[in-house]
Every structure is written in C-alpha cells, then in structure tokens.
Amino acid sequence: MITTQYDFENETAWERIVLALAIPVMPLTASGASVDLRTRGISIELTATVGGEAKEALRNSLLPLLFGAAWKTLDLALELAFARAGLAPQNGRRWRIDEKSQHAAAHKGSLPGLSSTTDVWHALGQLYKQTLEIRHALVHRRVQVDHSTRELTGYDSNGAALLPLSYDEQMAFCQLAQRVGQAITEGTLRSRVEADLRKQLADLYRHHGVAVPSNASNRPPVRVIDALPASGQIDVSYLLREARARFPGAQYLDLELKLVDGRSLIGELESAPQGIVTVDSVAPPDWLSFA
C-alpha cells in the first residue's frame, strides 16, 4: 500500500524509467531550435534528433505493456492521493481495485497541484475508472492489437469488445502517467507539466468525458544558451525577450547556462523568476539542474 512519496517513487521507479526511455514527453523525432546569446549576437541553429526505426518498432511492439506500466503508475499515484487525504482501505491493509475506482470517480484524494486543479483531477479520476476494464483485459483476460493501426482493444468478462485505445491515445496515456509522476516527485505542478497534462487529457477525452481546456503545443522547446557570468547574475527577462523575438509563439523555452568548468545548468525559462536572478553554480536554485 502506497502511503508516502518515497513509497510511490520506489514502487514506480522501473515503470517511470521505461516510459521515459520508450515514450519521452518530448518526442525524439521532433525538431527544435536553439538561440546562442553568449556573444549577444544573433546565432540560431536548427536541430533535430531522430529516433531509430528499430527503436520505434520495438516500442510499438511493446506498447500494450507500456500502457500497463503507465496504468500502474496512475494507480499508485491515486493510492498516494487517498493516503494523503486520510482515506484507508476497508480491510485496513490493502486497497481493492473497485474501492480505488469508486474514490477516483468521486474525485477524492490529495496530490500537490493536481487535486487543486479541478478539471484535471476530475478527468484523471474518470480516466482511471473508465480504463479499468482495459487494464483487467490486459492483465487477466484478452486484448487484441491491430498491426496496421496499433489500436488496442480489450475484452470484458463476457467477451464483448471494450472501447479501443488508438495508437495516439496509448501514447498520450503513457506520457500522462509520466507527467503525473513528475508532479508527485517534484511536489508541485509546474506550468509546462500542467500544459502537457492538459493536452494529453484532451487527447484521451473519449475515455474520461471531462472537458479539459488545452492550449499546449506539440513543438519542442527552444533552447536559449548563455554563459553564466562571474557575478552569477542573469537577466531572465532579457533572455525571455530575446528568445521570443526570434521565435514568436514559442510556448516552451529551455535555458542552458554554460559554466566555466565546461558543465551546464538547464531549466525551464518560462517558469524562472523574472528580472535579475543570482545563480550559485555550486548550489543552483531548484529550477535549474546540471545537465
């Protein structure tokens, strides 16, 4: 039974690692761009990272199992939410899955950032309940995969076909589980994580029926590259202004700060504190991490 963040991180570590490798939240085939501001001149480099065909074929063949890993991640996230809300299983030892489904459908539980975002939380609860039979079919009964479309169809206990999960819906579900896990491990729901989560829920509307507004972009982040000056002070407002001037409409902006020792600090620029910010290269702020 999951009752703490440590329990969740420990019990879902394998699933989250596998999902991140197989279906990263920013697609491997996406093209991005970078703006190098170290010379304060204009230097724009288009970049692309292409995933290998063999890796894509392997991922597609394992997609039903990846969906199972994602469903387990969501399942244990809800267990943690129930524990934080003071709920306990009827037998006091272990949750029955029908108990969890009832609580989820009733929007119970508490998770940082997630449960206070009403439409997202309601959609997650309904998604859990409405995909429960697909999970049962995958683990206990029978599923069928269309080899041309990759559509996944499960069958109920009477042998009737359930509402299928399209390829795109399976991908969205696997990315959604990663974003939920990210909110738990970070203890907050950052703006980029929420935007991505909303998009995935919108893509999964057939399986939860909750209207979740989304304006998220499929475009990968623009990377803004700069050197960390000796003073440690950077002008976040300037960096944002320069990046948006070169890439109007860019929703996601990553900052890469080059250090004198060759290392780099990276973070989400659109979520950084505005104005002049002091960055300690030994103990950087929590919105930056070493690459």
Protein backbone atom coordinates (compact mmCIF):
# COMPACT_ATOMS: atom_id res chain seq x y z
CA MET A 1 0.00 0.00 0.00
CA ILE A 2 1.39 3.41 -1.02
CA THR A 3 1.27 6.00 1.76
CA THR A 4 4.30 8.26 1.17
CA GLN A 5 6.08 9.94 -1.72
CA TYR A 6 9.04 7.62 -1.08
CA ASP A 7 6.75 4.60 -1.47
CA PHE A 8 5.48 5.95 -4.78
CA GLU A 9 8.94 6.74 -6.15
CA ASN A 10 10.28 3.34 -5.09
CA GLU A 11 7.34 1.27 -6.37
CA THR A 12 7.10 3.05 -9.75
CA ALA A 13 10.80 3.60 -10.45
CA TRP A 14 11.07 0.87 -13.10
CA GLU A 15 7.85 1.90 -14.83
CA ARG A 16 8.79 5.58 -14.96
CA ILE A 17 12.27 4.85 -16.30
CA VAL A 18 10.96 2.53 -19.02
CA LEU A 19 8.27 5.02 -20.05
CA ALA A 20 10.77 7.88 -20.18
CA LEU A 21 13.08 5.83 -22.42
CA ALA A 22 10.39 4.47 -24.72
CA ILE A 23 7.92 7.38 -24.90
CA PRO A 24 9.57 10.59 -23.71
CA VAL A 25 7.25 13.50 -23.02
CA MET A 26 9.00 15.48 -25.76
CA PRO A 27 9.10 13.23 -28.87
CA LEU A 28 12.51 12.11 -30.11
CA THR A 29 11.59 12.83 -33.72
CA ALA A 30 10.74 16.48 -33.05
CA SER A 31 12.76 19.33 -34.49
CA GLY A 32 13.75 22.12 -32.16
CA ALA A 33 15.89 25.23 -32.26
CA SER A 34 18.46 27.00 -30.14
CA VAL A 35 19.43 30.62 -29.62
CA ASP A 36 23.04 31.18 -28.53
CA LEU A 37 23.30 34.50 -26.73
CA ARG A 38 26.85 34.18 -25.43
CA THR A 39 28.15 36.71 -27.95
CA ARG A 40 24.97 38.84 -27.70
CA GLY A 41 24.72 38.42 -31.45
CA ILE A 42 22.18 36.51 -33.47
CA SER A 43 23.09 32.85 -33.74
CA ILE A 44 20.25 30.45 -34.41
CA GLU A 45 20.79 26.77 -35.03
CA LEU A 46 18.02 24.42 -36.08
CA THR A 47 18.43 20.98 -34.56
CA ALA A 48 16.73 17.64 -34.96
CA THR A 49 17.03 14.39 -33.07
CA VAL A 50 15.72 11.41 -34.95
CA GLY A 51 14.80 8.15 -33.29
CA GLY A 52 15.96 4.96 -34.96
CA GLU A 53 13.48 2.82 -36.85
CA ALA A 54 14.47 -0.25 -34.85
CA LYS A 55 13.78 1.52 -31.57
CA GLU A 56 10.42 2.76 -32.82
CA ALA A 57 9.45 -0.72 -33.99
CA LEU A 58 10.41 -2.19 -30.61
CA ARG A 59 8.44 0.47 -28.78
CA ASN A 60 5.36 -0.15 -30.91
CA SER A 61 5.53 -3.88 -30.33
CA LEU A 62 5.69 -3.28 -26.57
CA LEU A 63 3.07 -0.54 -26.50
CA PRO A 64 0.38 -2.59 -24.69
CA LEU A 65 2.90 -3.41 -21.95
CA LEU A 66 3.92 0.25 -21.77
CA PHE A 67 0.27 1.16 -21.33
CA GLY A 68 0.19 -1.34 -18.45
CA ALA A 69 3.22 0.35 -16.86
CA ALA A 70 1.54 3.73 -17.24
CA TRP A 71 -1.70 2.45 -15.73
CA LYS A 72 0.18 1.07 -12.72
CA THR A 73 1.84 4.47 -12.24
CA LEU A 74 -1.54 6.20 -12.22
CA ASP A 75 -2.95 3.51 -9.93
CA LEU A 76 -0.24 4.01 -7.31
CA ALA A 77 -0.44 7.79 -7.67
CA LEU A 78 -4.09 7.54 -6.62
CA GLU A 79 -3.19 5.31 -3.68
CA LEU A 80 -0.86 8.07 -2.51
CA ALA A 81 -3.58 10.67 -3.06
CA PHE A 82 -6.04 8.68 -0.95
CA ALA A 83 -3.49 8.24 1.85
CA ARG A 84 -2.76 11.98 1.88
CA ALA A 85 -6.49 12.64 2.16
CA GLY A 86 -6.74 10.34 5.18
CA LEU A 87 -8.51 7.54 3.35
CA ALA A 88 -7.76 3.87 4.03
CA PRO A 89 -8.89 0.56 2.53
CA GLN A 90 -11.81 -1.15 4.19
CA ASN A 91 -9.70 -4.09 5.32
CA GLY A 92 -7.03 -1.73 6.67
CA ARG A 93 -4.25 -3.47 4.78
CA ARG A 94 -4.64 -3.37 1.02
CA TRP A 95 -6.83 -1.50 -1.43
CA ARG A 96 -9.29 -3.39 -3.57
CA ILE A 97 -9.26 -2.02 -7.07
CA ASP A 98 -13.02 -1.40 -7.03
CA GLU A 99 -12.57 0.74 -3.89
CA LYS A 100 -9.97 2.83 -5.63
CA SER A 101 -12.17 3.18 -8.70
CA GLN A 102 -15.06 4.47 -6.58
CA HIS A 103 -12.86 7.02 -4.81
CA ALA A 104 -11.32 8.12 -8.10
CA ALA A 105 -14.72 8.63 -9.73
CA ALA A 106 -15.78 10.69 -6.69
CA HIS A 107 -12.69 12.91 -7.14
CA LYS A 108 -11.28 12.03 -3.72
CA GLY A 109 -7.63 12.29 -2.77
CA SER A 110 -4.94 14.94 -2.50
CA LEU A 111 -1.80 15.39 -4.60
CA PRO A 112 0.34 18.55 -4.91
CA GLY A 113 -1.02 20.81 -7.63
CA LEU A 114 -3.12 18.07 -9.20
CA SER A 115 -6.08 17.71 -6.85
CA SER A 116 -6.48 21.51 -6.60
CA THR A 117 -6.74 21.75 -10.41
CA THR A 118 -10.37 20.67 -10.54
CA ASP A 119 -10.90 19.76 -14.19
CA VAL A 120 -7.59 17.89 -14.43
CA TRP A 121 -8.26 15.97 -11.21
CA HIS A 122 -11.80 15.03 -12.25
CA ALA A 123 -10.54 13.85 -15.64
CA LEU A 124 -7.77 11.75 -14.07
CA GLY A 125 -10.27 10.05 -11.76
CA GLN A 126 -12.68 9.28 -14.59
CA LEU A 127 -9.83 8.12 -16.82
CA TYR A 128 -8.76 5.65 -14.14
CA LYS A 129 -12.29 4.32 -13.75
CA GLN A 130 -13.04 4.13 -17.48
CA THR A 131 -9.80 2.31 -18.38
CA LEU A 132 -10.05 -0.16 -15.52
CA GLU A 133 -11.57 -2.89 -17.71
CA ILE A 134 -8.86 -2.41 -20.34
CA ARG A 135 -6.29 -2.95 -17.60
CA HIS A 136 -8.13 -6.09 -16.45
CA ALA A 137 -8.25 -7.36 -20.03
CA LEU A 138 -4.51 -6.79 -20.44
CA VAL A 139 -3.58 -8.50 -17.16
CA HIS A 140 -6.26 -11.17 -16.77
CA ARG A 141 -8.19 -11.65 -20.00
CA ARG A 142 -7.54 -10.87 -23.65
CA VAL A 143 -6.52 -7.91 -25.76
CA GLN A 144 -6.09 -7.58 -29.50
CA VAL A 145 -3.72 -5.23 -31.34
CA ASP A 146 -4.37 -4.14 -34.91
CA HIS A 147 -0.94 -4.49 -36.50
CA SER A 148 -1.56 -1.78 -39.07
CA THR A 149 -3.02 0.92 -36.77
CA ARG A 150 -1.64 -0.31 -33.40
CA GLU A 151 -5.14 0.13 -31.96
CA LEU A 152 -5.55 -1.78 -28.69
CA THR A 153 -8.88 -3.49 -27.97
CA GLY A 154 -9.64 -5.23 -24.71
CA TYR A 155 -12.48 -7.65 -23.96
CA ASP A 156 -14.71 -7.73 -20.90
CA SER A 157 -15.57 -10.78 -18.82
CA ASN A 158 -18.41 -11.63 -21.23
CA GLY A 159 -16.12 -11.50 -24.25
CA ALA A 160 -17.50 -8.21 -25.56
CA ALA A 161 -15.10 -5.68 -27.06
CA LEU A 162 -14.33 -2.59 -24.98
CA LEU A 163 -13.84 0.92 -26.35
CA PRO A 164 -10.46 0.66 -28.11
CA LEU A 165 -7.41 2.76 -27.34
CA SER A 166 -5.95 4.22 -30.52
CA TYR A 167 -2.21 4.44 -31.02
CA ASP A 168 -2.27 8.16 -30.20
CA GLU A 169 -4.36 7.54 -27.08
CA GLN A 170 -1.94 4.91 -25.83
CA MET A 171 0.95 7.32 -26.39
CA ALA A 172 -0.95 10.10 -24.57
CA PHE A 173 -1.72 7.80 -21.65
CA CYS A 174 1.95 6.83 -21.30
CA GLN A 175 3.02 10.47 -21.36
CA LEU A 176 0.25 11.45 -18.95
CA ALA A 177 1.49 8.91 -16.38
CA GLN A 178 4.96 10.44 -16.60
CA ARG A 179 3.60 13.95 -16.02
CA VAL A 180 1.56 12.77 -13.01
CA GLY A 181 4.67 11.11 -11.62
CA GLN A 182 6.65 14.27 -12.25
CA ALA A 183 4.18 16.38 -10.26
CA ILE A 184 4.46 13.94 -7.35
CA THR A 185 8.24 13.68 -7.30
CA GLU A 186 8.70 17.45 -7.68
CA GLY A 187 5.98 18.30 -5.18
CA THR A 188 4.34 20.84 -7.47
CA LEU A 189 2.53 21.17 -10.79
CA ARG A 190 4.71 23.40 -12.93
CA SER A 191 3.15 25.33 -15.77
CA ARG A 192 4.76 23.24 -18.53
CA VAL A 193 3.79 19.99 -16.85
CA GLU A 194 0.20 21.19 -16.47
CA ALA A 195 0.03 22.35 -20.09
CA ASP A 196 1.31 18.99 -21.31
CA LEU A 197 -1.02 17.09 -18.97
CA ARG A 198 -3.99 19.06 -20.25
CA LYS A 199 -3.10 18.20 -23.84
CA GLN A 200 -2.85 14.50 -23.02
CA LEU A 201 -6.19 14.56 -21.23
CA ALA A 202 -7.74 16.34 -24.20
CA ASP A 203 -6.35 13.58 -26.45
CA LEU A 204 -7.93 10.99 -24.13
CA TYR A 205 -11.35 12.67 -23.90
CA ARG A 206 -13.18 9.58 -25.26
CA HIS A 207 -12.03 7.68 -22.17
CA HIS A 208 -12.99 10.14 -19.43
CA GLY A 209 -15.57 12.56 -20.88
CA VAL A 210 -14.39 15.60 -18.92
CA ALA A 211 -13.84 18.86 -20.81
CA VAL A 212 -10.24 19.91 -20.16
CA PRO A 213 -9.20 23.11 -21.99
CA SER A 214 -5.77 22.83 -23.56
CA ASN A 215 -3.55 25.21 -25.49
CA ALA A 216 -0.38 23.13 -25.33
CA SER A 217 1.89 22.92 -28.34
CA ASN A 218 3.45 19.82 -29.83
CA ARG A 219 6.52 21.87 -30.69
CA PRO A 220 9.59 21.03 -28.61
CA PRO A 221 11.28 23.72 -26.51
CA VAL A 222 13.52 26.40 -27.93
CA ARG A 223 16.84 26.22 -26.11
CA VAL A 224 18.35 29.53 -25.02
CA ILE A 225 22.09 29.19 -24.48
CA ASP A 226 24.11 31.69 -22.45
CA ALA A 227 27.21 31.80 -20.29
CA LEU A 228 26.90 32.26 -16.55
CA PRO A 229 28.87 35.45 -15.77
CA ALA A 230 31.36 35.62 -12.92
CA SER A 231 28.85 37.64 -10.90
CA GLY A 232 26.35 34.79 -11.17
CA GLN A 233 23.66 37.26 -12.17
CA ILE A 234 21.45 36.68 -15.20
CA ASP A 235 18.63 38.79 -16.58
CA VAL A 236 15.79 36.33 -17.09
CA SER A 237 13.54 38.98 -18.62
CA TYR A 238 16.16 39.76 -21.27
CA LEU A 239 16.62 36.08 -22.12
CA LEU A 240 12.89 35.59 -22.49
CA ARG A 241 12.55 38.71 -24.62
CA GLU A 242 15.38 37.69 -26.96
CA ALA A 243 14.08 34.13 -27.40
CA ARG A 244 10.50 35.22 -28.07
CA ALA A 245 11.66 37.88 -30.53
CA ARG A 246 13.44 35.22 -32.57
CA PHE A 247 10.76 32.54 -32.18
CA PRO A 248 7.35 34.25 -31.85
CA GLY A 249 4.74 31.94 -30.40
CA ALA A 250 7.23 29.54 -28.81
CA GLN A 251 5.46 28.04 -25.80
CA TYR A 252 8.36 26.21 -24.19
CA LEU A 253 11.78 27.77 -23.60
CA ASP A 254 14.70 25.90 -22.06
CA LEU A 255 17.68 27.75 -20.60
CA GLU A 256 21.17 26.26 -20.84
CA LEU A 257 23.79 28.14 -18.80
CA LYS A 258 27.38 27.27 -19.69
CA LEU A 259 29.76 27.23 -16.72
CA VAL A 260 33.50 27.99 -16.92
CA ASP A 261 34.34 24.38 -15.97
CA GLY A 262 32.50 23.06 -19.04
CA ARG A 263 29.37 21.92 -17.25
CA SER A 264 25.88 23.23 -18.00
CA LEU A 265 22.85 24.12 -15.94
CA ILE A 266 19.46 23.65 -17.58
CA GLY A 267 15.96 24.73 -16.61
CA GLU A 268 12.59 25.87 -17.89
CA LEU A 269 12.99 29.54 -18.71
CA GLU A 270 9.29 30.37 -18.83
CA SER A 271 8.96 29.20 -15.20
CA ALA A 272 12.04 31.03 -13.90
CA PRO A 273 11.81 34.05 -11.56
CA GLN A 274 11.62 37.27 -13.56
CA GLY A 275 14.17 40.08 -13.54
CA ILE A 276 17.77 39.83 -12.33
CA VAL A 277 18.42 36.43 -10.75
CA THR A 278 21.58 35.29 -8.96
CA VAL A 279 22.63 31.72 -9.76
CA ASP A 280 25.04 29.89 -7.46
CA SER A 281 26.95 27.43 -9.65
CA VAL A 282 27.72 25.24 -6.61
CA ALA A 283 24.20 25.15 -5.20
CA PRO A 284 21.91 26.26 -8.05
CA PRO A 285 18.27 27.23 -7.44
CA ASP A 286 15.74 24.44 -7.66
CA TRP A 287 14.52 25.50 -11.11
CA LEU A 288 17.97 24.71 -12.54
CA SER A 289 19.80 21.38 -12.59
CA PHE A 290 23.07 20.07 -14.00
CA ALA A 291 22.78 18.60 -17.47
